[in-house]
Full PDB file with SEQRES, HELIX, SHEET, SSBOND, CRYST1, ORIGX, SCALE, CONECT and MASTER records, all heavy atoms in Angstrom:
SEQRES   1 A   34  ALA PRO SER SER GLY THR ASP ILE GLU VAL PRO ALA VAL          
SEQRES   2 A   34  VAL GLU LEU LEU ASP ARG ILE ALA ALA GLY ALA ILE THR          
SEQRES   3 A   34  ALA GLU GLN ALA ARG ASP LYS LEU                              
HELIX    1 AA1 VAL A   10  ALA A   21  1                                  12    
HELIX    2 AA2 ALA A   27  LYS A   33  1                                   7    
CRYST1    1.000    1.000    1.000  90.00  90.00  90.00 P 1           1          
ORIGX1      1.000000  0.000000  0.000000        0.00000                         
ORIGX2      0.000000  1.000000  0.000000        0.00000                         
ORIGX3      0.000000  0.000000  1.000000        0.00000                         
SCALE1      1.000000  0.000000  0.000000        0.00000                         
SCALE2      0.000000  1.000000  0.000000        0.00000                         
SCALE3      0.000000  0.000000  1.000000        0.00000                         
ATOM      1  N   ALA A   1      -1.989  13.889   8.362  1.00  0.00           N  
ATOM      2  CA  ALA A   1      -2.451  12.769   7.536  1.00  0.00           C  
ATOM      3  C   ALA A   1      -3.494  11.967   8.310  1.00  0.00           C  
ATOM      4  O   ALA A   1      -3.386  11.813   9.527  1.00  0.00           O  
ATOM      5  CB  ALA A   1      -1.282  11.880   7.153  1.00  0.00           C  
ATOM      6  N   PRO A   2      -4.528  11.444   7.609  1.00  0.00           N  
ATOM      7  CA  PRO A   2      -5.554  10.663   8.312  1.00  0.00           C  
ATOM      8  C   PRO A   2      -4.979   9.413   8.966  1.00  0.00           C  
ATOM      9  O   PRO A   2      -5.542   8.897   9.912  1.00  0.00           O  
ATOM     10  CB  PRO A   2      -6.557  10.304   7.219  1.00  0.00           C  
ATOM     11  CG  PRO A   2      -5.885  10.558   5.930  1.00  0.00           C  
ATOM     12  CD  PRO A   2      -4.779  11.535   6.185  1.00  0.00           C  
ATOM     13  N   SER A   3      -3.849   8.941   8.477  1.00  0.00           N  
ATOM     14  CA  SER A   3      -3.247   7.724   9.022  1.00  0.00           C  
ATOM     15  C   SER A   3      -2.188   8.021  10.078  1.00  0.00           C  
ATOM     16  O   SER A   3      -1.466   7.120  10.489  1.00  0.00           O  
ATOM     17  CB  SER A   3      -2.622   6.914   7.892  1.00  0.00           C  
ATOM     18  OG  SER A   3      -1.652   7.699   7.216  1.00  0.00           O  
ATOM     19  N   SER A   4      -2.099   9.245  10.526  1.00  0.00           N  
ATOM     20  CA  SER A   4      -1.081   9.639  11.491  1.00  0.00           C  
ATOM     21  C   SER A   4      -1.107   8.724  12.705  1.00  0.00           C  
ATOM     22  O   SER A   4      -2.154   8.456  13.280  1.00  0.00           O  
ATOM     23  CB  SER A   4      -1.325  11.082  11.923  1.00  0.00           C  
ATOM     24  OG  SER A   4      -0.422  11.449  12.928  1.00  0.00           O  
ATOM     25  N   GLY A   5       0.069   8.228  13.072  1.00  0.00           N  
ATOM     26  CA  GLY A   5       0.178   7.372  14.253  1.00  0.00           C  
ATOM     27  C   GLY A   5       0.120   5.899  13.940  1.00  0.00           C  
ATOM     28  O   GLY A   5       0.286   5.080  14.821  1.00  0.00           O  
ATOM     29  N   THR A   6      -0.114   5.525  12.686  1.00  0.00           N  
ATOM     30  CA  THR A   6      -0.216   4.122  12.320  1.00  0.00           C  
ATOM     31  C   THR A   6       0.967   3.727  11.449  1.00  0.00           C  
ATOM     32  O   THR A   6       1.260   4.376  10.456  1.00  0.00           O  
ATOM     33  CB  THR A   6      -1.524   3.849  11.547  1.00  0.00           C  
ATOM     34  OG1 THR A   6      -2.620   4.331  12.300  1.00  0.00           O  
ATOM     35  CG2 THR A   6      -1.702   2.368  11.305  1.00  0.00           C  
ATOM     36  N   ASP A   7       1.655   2.668  11.831  1.00  0.00           N  
ATOM     37  CA  ASP A   7       2.780   2.148  11.068  1.00  0.00           C  
ATOM     38  C   ASP A   7       2.414   0.780  10.512  1.00  0.00           C  
ATOM     39  O   ASP A   7       1.691   0.013  11.147  1.00  0.00           O  
ATOM     40  CB  ASP A   7       4.025   1.997  11.948  1.00  0.00           C  
ATOM     41  CG  ASP A   7       4.545   3.323  12.458  1.00  0.00           C  
ATOM     42  OD1 ASP A   7       4.402   4.330  11.739  1.00  0.00           O  
ATOM     43  OD2 ASP A   7       5.090   3.349  13.569  1.00  0.00           O  
ATOM     44  N   ILE A   8       2.960   0.458   9.332  1.00  0.00           N  
ATOM     45  CA  ILE A   8       2.749  -0.841   8.701  1.00  0.00           C  
ATOM     46  C   ILE A   8       4.105  -1.471   8.459  1.00  0.00           C  
ATOM     47  O   ILE A   8       5.088  -0.780   8.178  1.00  0.00           O  
ATOM     48  CB  ILE A   8       1.943  -0.694   7.383  1.00  0.00           C  
ATOM     49  CG1 ILE A   8       1.632  -2.058   6.771  1.00  0.00           C  
ATOM     50  CG2 ILE A   8       2.653   0.216   6.408  1.00  0.00           C  
ATOM     51  CD1 ILE A   8       0.655  -1.985   5.605  1.00  0.00           C  
ATOM     52  N   GLU A   9       4.175  -2.785   8.555  1.00  0.00           N  
ATOM     53  CA  GLU A   9       5.452  -3.468   8.377  1.00  0.00           C  
ATOM     54  C   GLU A   9       5.959  -3.351   6.939  1.00  0.00           C  
ATOM     55  O   GLU A   9       5.186  -3.349   5.991  1.00  0.00           O  
ATOM     56  CB  GLU A   9       5.320  -4.925   8.780  1.00  0.00           C  
ATOM     57  CG  GLU A   9       4.317  -5.690   7.935  1.00  0.00           C  
ATOM     58  CD  GLU A   9       4.254  -7.162   8.298  1.00  0.00           C  
ATOM     59  OE1 GLU A   9       5.293  -7.836   8.226  1.00  0.00           O  
ATOM     60  OE2 GLU A   9       3.155  -7.611   8.631  1.00  0.00           O  
ATOM     61  N   VAL A  10       7.270  -3.238   6.789  1.00  0.00           N  
ATOM     62  CA  VAL A  10       7.894  -3.033   5.481  1.00  0.00           C  
ATOM     63  C   VAL A  10       7.623  -4.183   4.505  1.00  0.00           C  
ATOM     64  O   VAL A  10       7.313  -3.928   3.339  1.00  0.00           O  
ATOM     65  CB  VAL A  10       9.417  -2.769   5.641  1.00  0.00           C  
ATOM     66  CG1 VAL A  10      10.119  -2.761   4.303  1.00  0.00           C  
ATOM     67  CG2 VAL A  10       9.628  -1.445   6.369  1.00  0.00           C  
ATOM     68  N   PRO A  11       7.705  -5.462   4.884  1.00  0.00           N  
ATOM     69  CA  PRO A  11       7.443  -6.520   3.907  1.00  0.00           C  
ATOM     70  C   PRO A  11       6.048  -6.421   3.273  1.00  0.00           C  
ATOM     71  O   PRO A  11       5.881  -6.718   2.085  1.00  0.00           O  
ATOM     72  CB  PRO A  11       7.589  -7.813   4.714  1.00  0.00           C  
ATOM     73  CG  PRO A  11       8.508  -7.449   5.827  1.00  0.00           C  
ATOM     74  CD  PRO A  11       8.169  -6.021   6.168  1.00  0.00           C  
ATOM     75  N   ALA A  12       5.063  -5.977   4.029  1.00  0.00           N  
ATOM     76  CA  ALA A  12       3.719  -5.800   3.472  1.00  0.00           C  
ATOM     77  C   ALA A  12       3.706  -4.663   2.462  1.00  0.00           C  
ATOM     78  O   ALA A  12       3.040  -4.750   1.427  1.00  0.00           O  
ATOM     79  CB  ALA A  12       2.705  -5.540   4.581  1.00  0.00           C  
ATOM     80  N   VAL A  13       4.460  -3.611   2.733  1.00  0.00           N  
ATOM     81  CA  VAL A  13       4.543  -2.487   1.793  1.00  0.00           C  
ATOM     82  C   VAL A  13       5.217  -2.942   0.502  1.00  0.00           C  
ATOM     83  O   VAL A  13       4.763  -2.622  -0.598  1.00  0.00           O  
ATOM     84  CB  VAL A  13       5.305  -1.288   2.414  1.00  0.00           C  
ATOM     85  CG1 VAL A  13       5.543  -0.209   1.387  1.00  0.00           C  
ATOM     86  CG2 VAL A  13       4.533  -0.743   3.609  1.00  0.00           C  
ATOM     87  N   VAL A  14       6.278  -3.724   0.620  1.00  0.00           N  
ATOM     88  CA  VAL A  14       6.972  -4.237  -0.562  1.00  0.00           C  
ATOM     89  C   VAL A  14       6.031  -5.117  -1.379  1.00  0.00           C  
ATOM     90  O   VAL A  14       5.962  -4.996  -2.611  1.00  0.00           O  
ATOM     91  CB  VAL A  14       8.254  -5.002  -0.156  1.00  0.00           C  
ATOM     92  CG1 VAL A  14       8.857  -5.732  -1.354  1.00  0.00           C  
ATOM     93  CG2 VAL A  14       9.257  -4.041   0.461  1.00  0.00           C  
ATOM     94  N   GLU A  15       5.295  -5.988  -0.719  1.00  0.00           N  
ATOM     95  CA  GLU A  15       4.335  -6.839  -1.435  1.00  0.00           C  
ATOM     96  C   GLU A  15       3.265  -5.996  -2.116  1.00  0.00           C  
ATOM     97  O   GLU A  15       2.879  -6.252  -3.258  1.00  0.00           O  
ATOM     98  CB  GLU A  15       3.707  -7.848  -0.478  1.00  0.00           C  
ATOM     99  CG  GLU A  15       2.824  -8.853  -1.182  1.00  0.00           C  
ATOM    100  CD  GLU A  15       2.314  -9.954  -0.271  1.00  0.00           C  
ATOM    101  OE1 GLU A  15       2.815 -10.091   0.870  1.00  0.00           O  
ATOM    102  OE2 GLU A  15       1.404 -10.678  -0.706  1.00  0.00           O  
ATOM    103  N   LEU A  16       2.806  -4.978  -1.443  1.00  0.00           N  
ATOM    104  CA  LEU A  16       1.811  -4.070  -2.014  1.00  0.00           C  
ATOM    105  C   LEU A  16       2.371  -3.360  -3.250  1.00  0.00           C  
ATOM    106  O   LEU A  16       1.709  -3.265  -4.293  1.00  0.00           O  
ATOM    107  CB  LEU A  16       1.381  -3.063  -0.952  1.00  0.00           C  
ATOM    108  CG  LEU A  16       0.165  -2.216  -1.197  1.00  0.00           C  
ATOM    109  CD1 LEU A  16      -1.056  -3.060  -1.514  1.00  0.00           C  
ATOM    110  CD2 LEU A  16      -0.109  -1.347   0.010  1.00  0.00           C  
ATOM    111  N   LEU A  17       3.601  -2.892  -3.164  1.00  0.00           N  
ATOM    112  CA  LEU A  17       4.243  -2.241  -4.314  1.00  0.00           C  
ATOM    113  C   LEU A  17       4.442  -3.215  -5.473  1.00  0.00           C  
ATOM    114  O   LEU A  17       4.285  -2.841  -6.642  1.00  0.00           O  
ATOM    115  CB  LEU A  17       5.576  -1.616  -3.893  1.00  0.00           C  
ATOM    116  CG  LEU A  17       5.465  -0.414  -2.957  1.00  0.00           C  
ATOM    117  CD1 LEU A  17       6.840  -0.012  -2.442  1.00  0.00           C  
ATOM    118  CD2 LEU A  17       4.770   0.748  -3.634  1.00  0.00           C  
ATOM    119  N   ASP A  18       4.780  -4.472  -5.157  1.00  0.00           N  
ATOM    120  CA  ASP A  18       4.899  -5.491  -6.205  1.00  0.00           C  
ATOM    121  C   ASP A  18       3.575  -5.706  -6.930  1.00  0.00           C  
ATOM    122  O   ASP A  18       3.537  -5.826  -8.153  1.00  0.00           O  
ATOM    123  CB  ASP A  18       5.385  -6.820  -5.620  1.00  0.00           C  
ATOM    124  CG  ASP A  18       6.855  -6.800  -5.226  1.00  0.00           C  
ATOM    125  OD1 ASP A  18       7.585  -5.890  -5.672  1.00  0.00           O  
ATOM    126  OD2 ASP A  18       7.259  -7.703  -4.450  1.00  0.00           O  
ATOM    127  N   ARG A  19       2.480  -5.709  -6.171  1.00  0.00           N  
ATOM    128  CA  ARG A  19       1.147  -5.883  -6.781  1.00  0.00           C  
ATOM    129  C   ARG A  19       0.796  -4.685  -7.662  1.00  0.00           C  
ATOM    130  O   ARG A  19       0.196  -4.830  -8.712  1.00  0.00           O  
ATOM    131  CB  ARG A  19       0.088  -6.063  -5.703  1.00  0.00           C  
ATOM    132  CG  ARG A  19       0.345  -7.219  -4.763  1.00  0.00           C  
ATOM    133  CD  ARG A  19      -0.387  -8.444  -5.193  1.00  0.00           C  
ATOM    134  NE  ARG A  19       0.022  -9.573  -4.380  1.00  0.00           N  
ATOM    135  CZ  ARG A  19      -0.790 -10.489  -3.954  1.00  0.00           C  
ATOM    136  NH1 ARG A  19      -2.063 -10.423  -4.261  1.00  0.00           N  
ATOM    137  NH2 ARG A  19      -0.342 -11.502  -3.256  1.00  0.00           N  
ATOM    138  N   ILE A  20       1.176  -3.497  -7.233  1.00  0.00           N  
ATOM    139  CA  ILE A  20       0.937  -2.288  -8.037  1.00  0.00           C  
ATOM    140  C   ILE A  20       1.772  -2.352  -9.320  1.00  0.00           C  
ATOM    141  O   ILE A  20       1.272  -2.110 -10.415  1.00  0.00           O  
ATOM    142  CB  ILE A  20       1.253  -1.012  -7.230  1.00  0.00           C  
ATOM    143  CG1 ILE A  20       0.244  -0.847  -6.082  1.00  0.00           C  
ATOM    144  CG2 ILE A  20       1.243   0.218  -8.138  1.00  0.00           C  
ATOM    145  CD1 ILE A  20       0.630   0.219  -5.074  1.00  0.00           C  
ATOM    146  N   ALA A  21       3.055  -2.704  -9.199  1.00  0.00           N  
ATOM    147  CA  ALA A  21       3.952  -2.777 -10.355  1.00  0.00           C  
ATOM    148  C   ALA A  21       3.476  -3.813 -11.365  1.00  0.00           C  
ATOM    149  O   ALA A  21       3.627  -3.624 -12.577  1.00  0.00           O  
ATOM    150  CB  ALA A  21       5.377  -3.088  -9.905  1.00  0.00           C  
ATOM    151  N   ALA A  22       2.878  -4.898 -10.873  1.00  0.00           N  
ATOM    152  CA  ALA A  22       2.390  -5.953 -11.762  1.00  0.00           C  
ATOM    153  C   ALA A  22       1.048  -5.592 -12.396  1.00  0.00           C  
ATOM    154  O   ALA A  22       0.550  -6.318 -13.246  1.00  0.00           O  
ATOM    155  CB  ALA A  22       2.276  -7.264 -10.991  1.00  0.00           C  
ATOM    156  N   GLY A  23       0.448  -4.493 -11.960  1.00  0.00           N  
ATOM    157  CA  GLY A  23      -0.839  -4.075 -12.501  1.00  0.00           C  
ATOM    158  C   GLY A  23      -2.025  -4.782 -11.880  1.00  0.00           C  
ATOM    159  O   GLY A  23      -3.156  -4.670 -12.357  1.00  0.00           O  
ATOM    160  N   ALA A  24      -1.786  -5.531 -10.792  1.00  0.00           N  
ATOM    161  CA  ALA A  24      -2.872  -6.257 -10.133  1.00  0.00           C  
ATOM    162  C   ALA A  24      -3.831  -5.318  -9.410  1.00  0.00           C  
ATOM    163  O   ALA A  24      -5.029  -5.600  -9.310  1.00  0.00           O  
ATOM    164  CB  ALA A  24      -2.302  -7.279  -9.151  1.00  0.00           C  
ATOM    165  N   ILE A  25      -3.304  -4.230  -8.886  1.00  0.00           N  
ATOM    166  CA  ILE A  25      -4.110  -3.195  -8.237  1.00  0.00           C  
ATOM    167  C   ILE A  25      -3.526  -1.845  -8.619  1.00  0.00           C  
ATOM    168  O   ILE A  25      -2.383  -1.759  -9.064  1.00  0.00           O  
ATOM    169  CB  ILE A  25      -4.143  -3.348  -6.692  1.00  0.00           C  
ATOM    170  CG1 ILE A  25      -2.735  -3.242  -6.109  1.00  0.00           C  
ATOM    171  CG2 ILE A  25      -4.834  -4.629  -6.281  1.00  0.00           C  
ATOM    172  CD1 ILE A  25      -2.706  -3.216  -4.598  1.00  0.00           C  
ATOM    173  N   THR A  26      -4.319  -0.813  -8.420  1.00  0.00           N  
ATOM    174  CA  THR A  26      -3.810   0.532  -8.700  1.00  0.00           C  
ATOM    175  C   THR A  26      -3.262   1.147  -7.413  1.00  0.00           C  
ATOM    176  O   THR A  26      -3.622   0.726  -6.305  1.00  0.00           O  
ATOM    177  CB  THR A  26      -4.916   1.446  -9.264  1.00  0.00           C  
ATOM    178  OG1 THR A  26      -5.888   1.685  -8.230  1.00  0.00           O  
ATOM    179  CG2 THR A  26      -5.578   0.839 -10.491  1.00  0.00           C  
ATOM    180  N   ALA A  27      -2.428   2.139  -7.585  1.00  0.00           N  
ATOM    181  CA  ALA A  27      -1.892   2.857  -6.426  1.00  0.00           C  
ATOM    182  C   ALA A  27      -3.029   3.512  -5.639  1.00  0.00           C  
ATOM    183  O   ALA A  27      -3.000   3.560  -4.408  1.00  0.00           O  
ATOM    184  CB  ALA A  27      -0.874   3.904  -6.880  1.00  0.00           C  
ATOM    185  N   GLU A  28      -4.047   3.989  -6.351  1.00  0.00           N  
ATOM    186  CA  GLU A  28      -5.188   4.626  -5.683  1.00  0.00           C  
ATOM    187  C   GLU A  28      -5.940   3.621  -4.816  1.00  0.00           C  
ATOM    188  O   GLU A  28      -6.366   3.946  -3.709  1.00  0.00           O  
ATOM    189  CB  GLU A  28      -6.138   5.247  -6.711  1.00  0.00           C  
ATOM    190  CG  GLU A  28      -5.572   6.457  -7.422  1.00  0.00           C  
ATOM    191  CD  GLU A  28      -4.605   6.103  -8.562  1.00  0.00           C  
ATOM    192  OE1 GLU A  28      -4.551   4.918  -8.991  1.00  0.00           O  
ATOM    193  OE2 GLU A  28      -3.881   7.007  -9.005  1.00  0.00           O  
ATOM    194  N   GLN A  29      -6.113   2.391  -5.320  1.00  0.00           N  
ATOM    195  CA  GLN A  29      -6.786   1.365  -4.523  1.00  0.00           C  
ATOM    196  C   GLN A  29      -5.998   1.066  -3.255  1.00  0.00           C  
ATOM    197  O   GLN A  29      -6.579   0.937  -2.170  1.00  0.00           O  
ATOM    198  CB  GLN A  29      -6.958   0.079  -5.334  1.00  0.00           C  
ATOM    199  CG  GLN A  29      -7.988   0.163  -6.428  1.00  0.00           C  
ATOM    200  CD  GLN A  29      -7.962  -1.081  -7.304  1.00  0.00           C  
ATOM    201  OE1 GLN A  29      -6.901  -1.533  -7.736  1.00  0.00           O  
ATOM    202  NE2 GLN A  29      -9.144  -1.618  -7.570  1.00  0.00           N  
ATOM    203  N   ALA A  30      -4.694   0.946  -3.402  1.00  0.00           N  
ATOM    204  CA  ALA A  30      -3.845   0.659  -2.246  1.00  0.00           C  
ATOM    205  C   ALA A  30      -3.912   1.798  -1.237  1.00  0.00           C  
ATOM    206  O   ALA A  30      -4.087   1.575  -0.042  1.00  0.00           O  
ATOM    207  CB  ALA A  30      -2.403   0.422  -2.699  1.00  0.00           C  
ATOM    208  N   ARG A  31      -3.773   3.024  -1.725  1.00  0.00           N  
ATOM    209  CA  ARG A  31      -3.827   4.189  -0.836  1.00  0.00           C  
ATOM    210  C   ARG A  31      -5.165   4.260  -0.115  1.00  0.00           C  
ATOM    211  O   ARG A  31      -5.215   4.467   1.104  1.00  0.00           O  
ATOM    212  CB  ARG A  31      -3.596   5.474  -1.631  1.00  0.00           C  
ATOM    213  CG  ARG A  31      -3.609   6.725  -0.741  1.00  0.00           C  
ATOM    214  CD  ARG A  31      -3.746   8.011  -1.515  1.00  0.00           C  
ATOM    215  NE  ARG A  31      -5.003   7.988  -2.245  1.00  0.00           N  
ATOM    216  CZ  ARG A  31      -5.135   8.317  -3.527  1.00  0.00           C  
ATOM    217  NH1 ARG A  31      -4.115   8.692  -4.239  1.00  0.00           N  
ATOM    218  NH2 ARG A  31      -6.311   8.268  -4.114  1.00  0.00           N  
ATOM    219  N   ASP A  32      -6.261   4.104  -0.851  1.00  0.00           N  
ATOM    220  CA  ASP A  32      -7.589   4.203  -0.242  1.00  0.00           C  
ATOM    221  C   ASP A  32      -7.800   3.130   0.820  1.00  0.00           C  
ATOM    222  O   ASP A  32      -8.340   3.400   1.898  1.00  0.00           O  
ATOM    223  CB  ASP A  32      -8.679   4.123  -1.307  1.00  0.00           C  
ATOM    224  CG  ASP A  32      -8.702   5.337  -2.215  1.00  0.00           C  
ATOM    225  OD1 ASP A  32      -8.057   6.363  -1.887  1.00  0.00           O  
ATOM    226  OD2 ASP A  32      -9.367   5.259  -3.281  1.00  0.00           O  
ATOM    227  N   LYS A  33      -7.363   1.903   0.532  1.00  0.00           N  
ATOM    228  CA  LYS A  33      -7.512   0.802   1.493  1.00  0.00           C  
ATOM    229  C   LYS A  33      -6.714   1.087   2.755  1.00  0.00           C  
ATOM    230  O   LYS A  33      -7.214   0.943   3.875  1.00  0.00           O  
ATOM    231  CB  LYS A  33      -7.058  -0.508   0.852  1.00  0.00           C  
ATOM    232  CG  LYS A  33      -7.020  -1.707   1.776  1.00  0.00           C  
ATOM    233  CD  LYS A  33      -8.368  -2.296   2.037  1.00  0.00           C  
ATOM    234  CE  LYS A  33      -8.776  -3.159   0.873  1.00  0.00           C  
ATOM    235  NZ  LYS A  33      -9.996  -3.904   1.127  1.00  0.00           N  
ATOM    236  N   LEU A  34      -5.463   1.513   2.597  1.00  0.00           N  
ATOM    237  CA  LEU A  34      -4.625   1.785   3.763  1.00  0.00           C  
ATOM    238  C   LEU A  34      -5.140   2.972   4.569  1.00  0.00           C  
ATOM    239  O   LEU A  34      -5.140   2.938   5.804  1.00  0.00           O  
ATOM    240  CB  LEU A  34      -3.172   2.012   3.331  1.00  0.00           C  
ATOM    241  CG  LEU A  34      -2.459   0.785   2.777  1.00  0.00           C  
ATOM    242  CD1 LEU A  34      -1.077   1.163   2.264  1.00  0.00           C  
ATOM    243  CD2 LEU A  34      -2.367  -0.320   3.811  1.00  0.00           C  
TER     244      LEU A  34                                                      
MASTER        0    0    0    2    0    0    0    6  243    1    0    3          
END                                                                             
């Protein structure tokens, strides 16, 4: 994976998933940014 070796904190992932679920951003936008 291009992100191999990089970890992100869980609360940020949860917030990101909440934004996706609310329709504020798409999963593709989140994936591309990360």
